Amino acid sequence: MDEKRSKEDLLQYIGDAEDLPFMYKIVANNTIMKFNINLNDKFDIDKDEVKFGFNMHIESKRSAT
C-alpha cells in the first residue's frame, strides 16, 4: 500500500497550497484530512451533537484503457 505523508508528496495533489495544513496523508486511493475544532467549555461530549458540512469540488480523471 502506497502512503504519501511528506509535504512534498501532498503538494502535488492539492490545488491550493493553503489547504496543506488540512492534509494528513494519502493512503492508496484515500485522502485523509484533519480539521482542528475548538469547542467551548459548555460542550458536553456525551450529550451534545456536532455536525459538519463541506463544500467540495471533485474532479475525476479516468483512463480509456
PDB file of N, CA and C in Angstrom:
ATOM      1  N   MET A   1       0.848  -1.174   0.000  1.00  0.00           N
ATOM      2  CA  MET A   1       0.000   0.000   0.000  1.00  0.00           C
ATOM      3  C   MET A   1       0.898   1.243   0.000  1.00  0.00           C
ATOM      4  N   ASP A   2       0.693   2.104  -0.974  1.00  0.00           N
ATOM      5  CA  ASP A   2       1.489   3.313  -1.120  1.00  0.00           C
ATOM      6  C   ASP A   2       0.957   4.398  -0.184  1.00  0.00           C
ATOM      7  N   GLU A   3       1.843   4.984   0.623  1.00  0.00           N
ATOM      8  CA  GLU A   3       1.437   6.044   1.547  1.00  0.00           C
ATOM      9  C   GLU A   3       2.255   7.291   1.285  1.00  0.00           C
ATOM     10  N   LYS A   4       1.554   8.432   1.190  1.00  0.00           N
ATOM     11  CA  LYS A   4       2.221   9.717   0.990  1.00  0.00           C
ATOM     12  C   LYS A   4       1.900  10.593   2.191  1.00  0.00           C
ATOM     13  N   ARG A   5       2.950  11.115   2.829  1.00  0.00           N
ATOM     14  CA  ARG A   5       2.730  11.919   4.020  1.00  0.00           C
ATOM     15  C   ARG A   5       3.584  13.185   4.040  1.00  0.00           C
ATOM     16  N   SER A   6       4.673  13.218   3.304  1.00  0.00           N
ATOM     17  CA  SER A   6       5.540  14.385   3.368  1.00  0.00           C
ATOM     18  C   SER A   6       4.885  15.579   2.664  1.00  0.00           C
ATOM     19  N   LYS A   7       5.319  16.766   3.033  1.00  0.00           N
ATOM     20  CA  LYS A   7       4.781  17.999   2.443  1.00  0.00           C
ATOM     21  C   LYS A   7       4.941  17.980   0.927  1.00  0.00           C
ATOM     22  N   GLU A   8       6.078  17.528   0.457  1.00  0.00           N
ATOM     23  CA  GLU A   8       6.338  17.486  -0.981  1.00  0.00           C
ATOM     24  C   GLU A   8       5.398  16.510  -1.683  1.00  0.00           C
ATOM     25  N   ASP A   9       5.144  15.347  -1.055  1.00  0.00           N
ATOM     26  CA  ASP A   9       4.226  14.373  -1.635  1.00  0.00           C
ATOM     27  C   ASP A   9       2.820  14.944  -1.748  1.00  0.00           C
ATOM     28  N   LEU A  10       2.360  15.617  -0.684  1.00  0.00           N
ATOM     29  CA  LEU A  10       0.982  16.097  -0.630  1.00  0.00           C
ATOM     30  C   LEU A  10       0.741  17.289  -1.537  1.00  0.00           C
ATOM     31  N   LEU A  11       1.740  18.156  -1.707  1.00  0.00           N
ATOM     32  CA  LEU A  11       1.561  19.372  -2.515  1.00  0.00           C
ATOM     33  C   LEU A  11       1.147  19.074  -3.949  1.00  0.00           C
ATOM     34  N   GLN A  12       1.593  17.955  -4.489  1.00  0.00           N
ATOM     35  CA  GLN A  12       1.259  17.662  -5.881  1.00  0.00           C
ATOM     36  C   GLN A  12      -0.213  17.276  -6.066  1.00  0.00           C
ATOM     37  N   TYR A  13      -0.928  16.994  -4.974  1.00  0.00           N
ATOM     38  CA  TYR A  13      -2.319  16.560  -5.059  1.00  0.00           C
ATOM     39  C   TYR A  13      -3.326  17.639  -4.691  1.00  0.00           C
ATOM     40  N   ILE A  14      -2.885  18.786  -4.202  1.00  0.00           N
ATOM     41  CA  ILE A  14      -3.830  19.825  -3.816  1.00  0.00           C
ATOM     42  C   ILE A  14      -3.762  20.987  -4.794  1.00  0.00           C
ATOM     43  N   GLY A  15      -4.895  21.648  -4.964  1.00  0.00           N
ATOM     44  CA  GLY A  15      -4.968  22.760  -5.905  1.00  0.00           C
ATOM     45  C   GLY A  15      -4.518  24.078  -5.317  1.00  0.00           C
ATOM     46  N   ASP A  16      -4.542  24.202  -4.000  1.00  0.00           N
ATOM     47  CA  ASP A  16      -4.204  25.445  -3.334  1.00  0.00           C
ATOM     48  C   ASP A  16      -3.293  25.134  -2.148  1.00  0.00           C
ATOM     49  N   ALA A  17      -2.127  25.739  -2.103  1.00  0.00           N
ATOM     50  CA  ALA A  17      -1.159  25.460  -1.030  1.00  0.00           C
ATOM     51  C   ALA A  17      -1.706  25.795   0.353  1.00  0.00           C
ATOM     52  N   GLU A  18      -2.719  26.662   0.429  1.00  0.00           N
ATOM     53  CA  GLU A  18      -3.327  26.993   1.722  1.00  0.00           C
ATOM     54  C   GLU A  18      -4.071  25.804   2.331  1.00  0.00           C
ATOM     55  N   ASP A  19      -4.384  24.801   1.533  1.00  0.00           N
ATOM     56  CA  ASP A  19      -5.072  23.605   2.022  1.00  0.00           C
ATOM     57  C   ASP A  19      -4.119  22.592   2.661  1.00  0.00           C
ATOM     58  N   LEU A  20      -2.826  22.792   2.518  1.00  0.00           N
ATOM     59  CA  LEU A  20      -1.844  21.833   3.017  1.00  0.00           C
ATOM     60  C   LEU A  20      -1.977  21.520   4.512  1.00  0.00           C
ATOM     61  N   PRO A  21      -2.244  22.501   5.390  1.00  0.00           N
ATOM     62  CA  PRO A  21      -2.370  22.161   6.814  1.00  0.00           C
ATOM     63  C   PRO A  21      -3.491  21.167   7.126  1.00  0.00           C
ATOM     64  N   PHE A  22      -4.472  21.038   6.230  1.00  0.00           N
ATOM     65  CA  PHE A  22      -5.588  20.121   6.464  1.00  0.00           C
ATOM     66  C   PHE A  22      -5.303  18.707   5.963  1.00  0.00           C
ATOM     67  N   MET A  23      -4.312  18.565   5.119  1.00  0.00           N
ATOM     68  CA  MET A  23      -3.966  17.251   4.584  1.00  0.00           C
ATOM     69  C   MET A  23      -3.149  16.482   5.614  1.00  0.00           C
ATOM     70  N   TYR A  24      -3.563  15.271   5.911  1.00  0.00           N
ATOM     71  CA  TYR A  24      -2.836  14.443   6.867  1.00  0.00           C
ATOM     72  C   TYR A  24      -1.972  13.430   6.132  1.00  0.00           C
ATOM     73  N   LYS A  25      -2.608  12.612   5.296  1.00  0.00           N
ATOM     74  CA  LYS A  25      -1.843  11.671   4.490  1.00  0.00           C
ATOM     75  C   LYS A  25      -2.729  11.105   3.387  1.00  0.00           C
ATOM     76  N   ILE A  26      -2.102  10.483   2.416  1.00  0.00           N
ATOM     77  CA  ILE A  26      -2.795   9.780   1.347  1.00  0.00           C
ATOM     78  C   ILE A  26      -2.335   8.331   1.409  1.00  0.00           C
ATOM     79  N   VAL A  27      -3.299   7.434   1.513  1.00  0.00           N
ATOM     80  CA  VAL A  27      -3.011   6.007   1.566  1.00  0.00           C
ATOM     81  C   VAL A  27      -3.798   5.347   0.441  1.00  0.00           C
ATOM     82  N   ALA A  28      -3.079   4.676  -0.450  1.00  0.00           N
ATOM     83  CA  ALA A  28      -3.695   4.044  -1.614  1.00  0.00           C
ATOM     84  C   ALA A  28      -4.510   5.098  -2.364  1.00  0.00           C
ATOM     85  N   ASN A  29      -5.821   4.947  -2.454  1.00  0.00           N
ATOM     86  CA  ASN A  29      -6.666   5.892  -3.182  1.00  0.00           C
ATOM     87  C   ASN A  29      -7.520   6.727  -2.226  1.00  0.00           C
ATOM     88  N   ASN A  30      -7.074   6.891  -0.975  1.00  0.00           N
ATOM     89  CA  ASN A  30      -7.839   7.612   0.036  1.00  0.00           C
ATOM     90  C   ASN A  30      -7.059   8.815   0.555  1.00  0.00           C
ATOM     91  N   THR A  31      -7.731   9.947   0.631  1.00  0.00           N
ATOM     92  CA  THR A  31      -7.141  11.150   1.203  1.00  0.00           C
ATOM     93  C   THR A  31      -7.684  11.326   2.609  1.00  0.00           C
ATOM     94  N   ILE A  32      -6.808  11.414   3.588  1.00  0.00           N
ATOM     95  CA  ILE A  32      -7.205  11.576   4.981  1.00  0.00           C
ATOM     96  C   ILE A  32      -6.866  13.002   5.382  1.00  0.00           C
ATOM     97  N   MET A  33      -7.892  13.723   5.847  1.00  0.00           N
ATOM     98  CA  MET A  33      -7.726  15.129   6.213  1.00  0.00           C
ATOM     99  C   MET A  33      -8.027  15.303   7.696  1.00  0.00           C
ATOM    100  N   LYS A  34      -7.424  16.329   8.303  1.00  0.00           N
ATOM    101  CA  LYS A  34      -7.649  16.656   9.709  1.00  0.00           C
ATOM    102  C   LYS A  34      -8.096  18.104   9.815  1.00  0.00           C
ATOM    103  N   PHE A  35      -9.069  18.338  10.683  1.00  0.00           N
ATOM    104  CA  PHE A  35      -9.563  19.687  10.917  1.00  0.00           C
ATOM    105  C   PHE A  35      -9.546  19.947  12.419  1.00  0.00           C
ATOM    106  N   ASN A  36      -8.900  21.017  12.833  1.00  0.00           N
ATOM    107  CA  ASN A  36      -8.902  21.397  14.248  1.00  0.00           C
ATOM    108  C   ASN A  36     -10.232  22.051  14.591  1.00  0.00           C
ATOM    109  N   ILE A  37     -10.782  21.662  15.723  1.00  0.00           N
ATOM    110  CA  ILE A  37     -12.062  22.201  16.170  1.00  0.00           C
ATOM    111  C   ILE A  37     -11.932  22.607  17.630  1.00  0.00           C
ATOM    112  N   ASN A  38     -12.335  23.817  17.935  1.00  0.00           N
ATOM    113  CA  ASN A  38     -12.342  24.301  19.316  1.00  0.00           C
ATOM    114  C   ASN A  38     -13.770  24.332  19.816  1.00  0.00           C
ATOM    115  N   LEU A  39     -14.052  23.548  20.853  1.00  0.00           N
ATOM    116  CA  LEU A  39     -15.381  23.510  21.453  1.00  0.00           C
ATOM    117  C   LEU A  39     -15.341  24.294  22.752  1.00  0.00           C
ATOM    118  N   ASN A  40     -16.418  25.002  23.056  1.00  0.00           N
ATOM    119  CA  ASN A  40     -16.418  25.795  24.279  1.00  0.00           C
ATOM    120  C   ASN A  40     -16.570  24.905  25.515  1.00  0.00           C
ATOM    121  N   ASP A  41     -16.355  25.475  26.667  1.00  0.00           N
ATOM    122  CA  ASP A  41     -16.372  24.716  27.919  1.00  0.00           C
ATOM    123  C   ASP A  41     -17.740  24.117  28.232  1.00  0.00           C
ATOM    124  N   LYS A  42     -18.798  24.688  27.698  1.00  0.00           N
ATOM    125  CA  LYS A  42     -20.142  24.201  27.973  1.00  0.00           C
ATOM    126  C   LYS A  42     -20.529  22.993  27.122  1.00  0.00           C
ATOM    127  N   PHE A  43     -19.693  22.625  26.164  1.00  0.00           N
ATOM    128  CA  PHE A  43     -19.995  21.491  25.297  1.00  0.00           C
ATOM    129  C   PHE A  43     -19.882  20.193  26.095  1.00  0.00           C
ATOM    130  N   ASP A  44     -20.941  19.393  26.056  1.00  0.00           N
ATOM    131  CA  ASP A  44     -20.972  18.093  26.736  1.00  0.00           C
ATOM    132  C   ASP A  44     -20.767  17.006  25.681  1.00  0.00           C
ATOM    133  N   ILE A  45     -19.623  16.391  25.691  1.00  0.00           N
ATOM    134  CA  ILE A  45     -19.273  15.426  24.650  1.00  0.00           C
ATOM    135  C   ILE A  45     -20.207  14.215  24.633  1.00  0.00           C
ATOM    136  N   ASP A  46     -20.852  13.920  25.769  1.00  0.00           N
ATOM    137  CA  ASP A  46     -21.764  12.782  25.840  1.00  0.00           C
ATOM    138  C   ASP A  46     -23.179  13.116  25.371  1.00  0.00           C
ATOM    139  N   LYS A  47     -23.584  14.383  25.447  1.00  0.00           N
ATOM    140  CA  LYS A  47     -24.966  14.747  25.142  1.00  0.00           C
ATOM    141  C   LYS A  47     -25.110  15.637  23.913  1.00  0.00           C
ATOM    142  N   ASP A  48     -24.147  16.500  23.668  1.00  0.00           N
ATOM    143  CA  ASP A  48     -24.249  17.443  22.557  1.00  0.00           C
ATOM    144  C   ASP A  48     -23.831  16.787  21.250  1.00  0.00           C
ATOM    145  N   GLU A  49     -24.316  17.365  20.163  1.00  0.00           N
ATOM    146  CA  GLU A  49     -24.057  16.797  18.845  1.00  0.00           C
ATOM    147  C   GLU A  49     -23.357  17.832  17.975  1.00  0.00           C
ATOM    148  N   VAL A  50     -22.415  17.382  17.171  1.00  0.00           N
ATOM    149  CA  VAL A  50     -21.700  18.257  16.246  1.00  0.00           C
ATOM    150  C   VAL A  50     -21.884  17.687  14.844  1.00  0.00           C
ATOM    151  N   LYS A  51     -22.225  18.562  13.908  1.00  0.00           N
ATOM    152  CA  LYS A  51     -22.379  18.139  12.512  1.00  0.00           C
ATOM    153  C   LYS A  51     -21.492  19.025  11.649  1.00  0.00           C
ATOM    154  N   PHE A  52     -20.958  18.447  10.604  1.00  0.00           N
ATOM    155  CA  PHE A  52     -20.077  19.173   9.706  1.00  0.00           C
ATOM    156  C   PHE A  52     -20.624  19.103   8.283  1.00  0.00           C
ATOM    157  N   GLY A  53     -20.430  20.168   7.557  1.00  0.00           N
ATOM    158  CA  GLY A  53     -20.774  20.188   6.143  1.00  0.00           C
ATOM    159  C   GLY A  53     -19.571  20.685   5.358  1.00  0.00           C
ATOM    160  N   PHE A  54     -19.368  20.138   4.202  1.00  0.00           N
ATOM    161  CA  PHE A  54     -18.222  20.502   3.377  1.00  0.00           C
ATOM    162  C   PHE A  54     -18.694  20.835   1.973  1.00  0.00           C
ATOM    163  N   ASN A  55     -18.129  21.872   1.419  1.00  0.00           N
ATOM    164  CA  ASN A  55     -18.365  22.230   0.037  1.00  0.00           C
ATOM    165  C   ASN A  55     -17.137  21.778  -0.735  1.00  0.00           C
ATOM    166  N   MET A  56     -17.268  20.666  -1.451  1.00  0.00           N
ATOM    167  CA  MET A  56     -16.107  20.079  -2.119  1.00  0.00           C
ATOM    168  C   MET A  56     -16.301  20.070  -3.627  1.00  0.00           C
ATOM    169  N   HIS A  57     -15.220  20.305  -4.320  1.00  0.00           N
ATOM    170  CA  HIS A  57     -15.195  20.172  -5.774  1.00  0.00           C
ATOM    171  C   HIS A  57     -14.284  18.992  -6.082  1.00  0.00           C
ATOM    172  N   ILE A  58     -14.842  17.978  -6.712  1.00  0.00           N
ATOM    173  CA  ILE A  58     -14.069  16.770  -7.021  1.00  0.00           C
ATOM    174  C   ILE A  58     -14.009  16.608  -8.526  1.00  0.00           C
ATOM    175  N   GLU A  59     -12.812  16.399  -9.008  1.00  0.00           N
ATOM    176  CA  GLU A  59     -12.612  16.165 -10.432  1.00  0.00           C
ATOM    177  C   GLU A  59     -12.012  14.783 -10.602  1.00  0.00           C
ATOM    178  N   SER A  60     -12.670  13.956 -11.354  1.00  0.00           N
ATOM    179  CA  SER A  60     -12.215  12.577 -11.539  1.00  0.00           C
ATOM    180  C   SER A  60     -11.663  12.421 -12.957  1.00  0.00           C
ATOM    181  N   LYS A  61     -10.496  11.827 -13.051  1.00  0.00           N
ATOM    182  CA  LYS A  61      -9.880  11.581 -14.357  1.00  0.00           C
ATOM    183  C   LYS A  61      -9.707  10.078 -14.496  1.00  0.00           C
ATOM    184  N   ARG A  62     -10.231   9.534 -15.573  1.00  0.00           N
ATOM    185  CA  ARG A  62     -10.146   8.102 -15.792  1.00  0.00           C
ATOM    186  C   ARG A  62      -9.452   7.817 -17.125  1.00  0.00           C
ATOM    187  N   SER A  63      -8.749   6.740 -17.127  1.00  0.00           N
ATOM    188  CA  SER A  63      -8.067   6.320 -18.338  1.00  0.00           C
ATOM    189  C   SER A  63      -9.034   5.576 -19.242  1.00  0.00           C
ATOM    190  N   ALA A  64      -8.836   5.686 -20.536  1.00  0.00           N
ATOM    191  CA  ALA A  64      -9.695   4.991 -21.508  1.00  0.00           C
ATOM    192  C   ALA A  64      -9.296   3.535 -21.657  1.00  0.00           C
ATOM    193  N   THR A  65      -8.211   3.126 -21.040  1.00  0.00           N
ATOM    194  CA  THR A  65      -7.761   1.741 -21.209  1.00  0.00           C
ATOM    195  C   THR A  65      -8.329   0.838 -20.157  1.00  0.00           C
TER     196      THR A  65
END
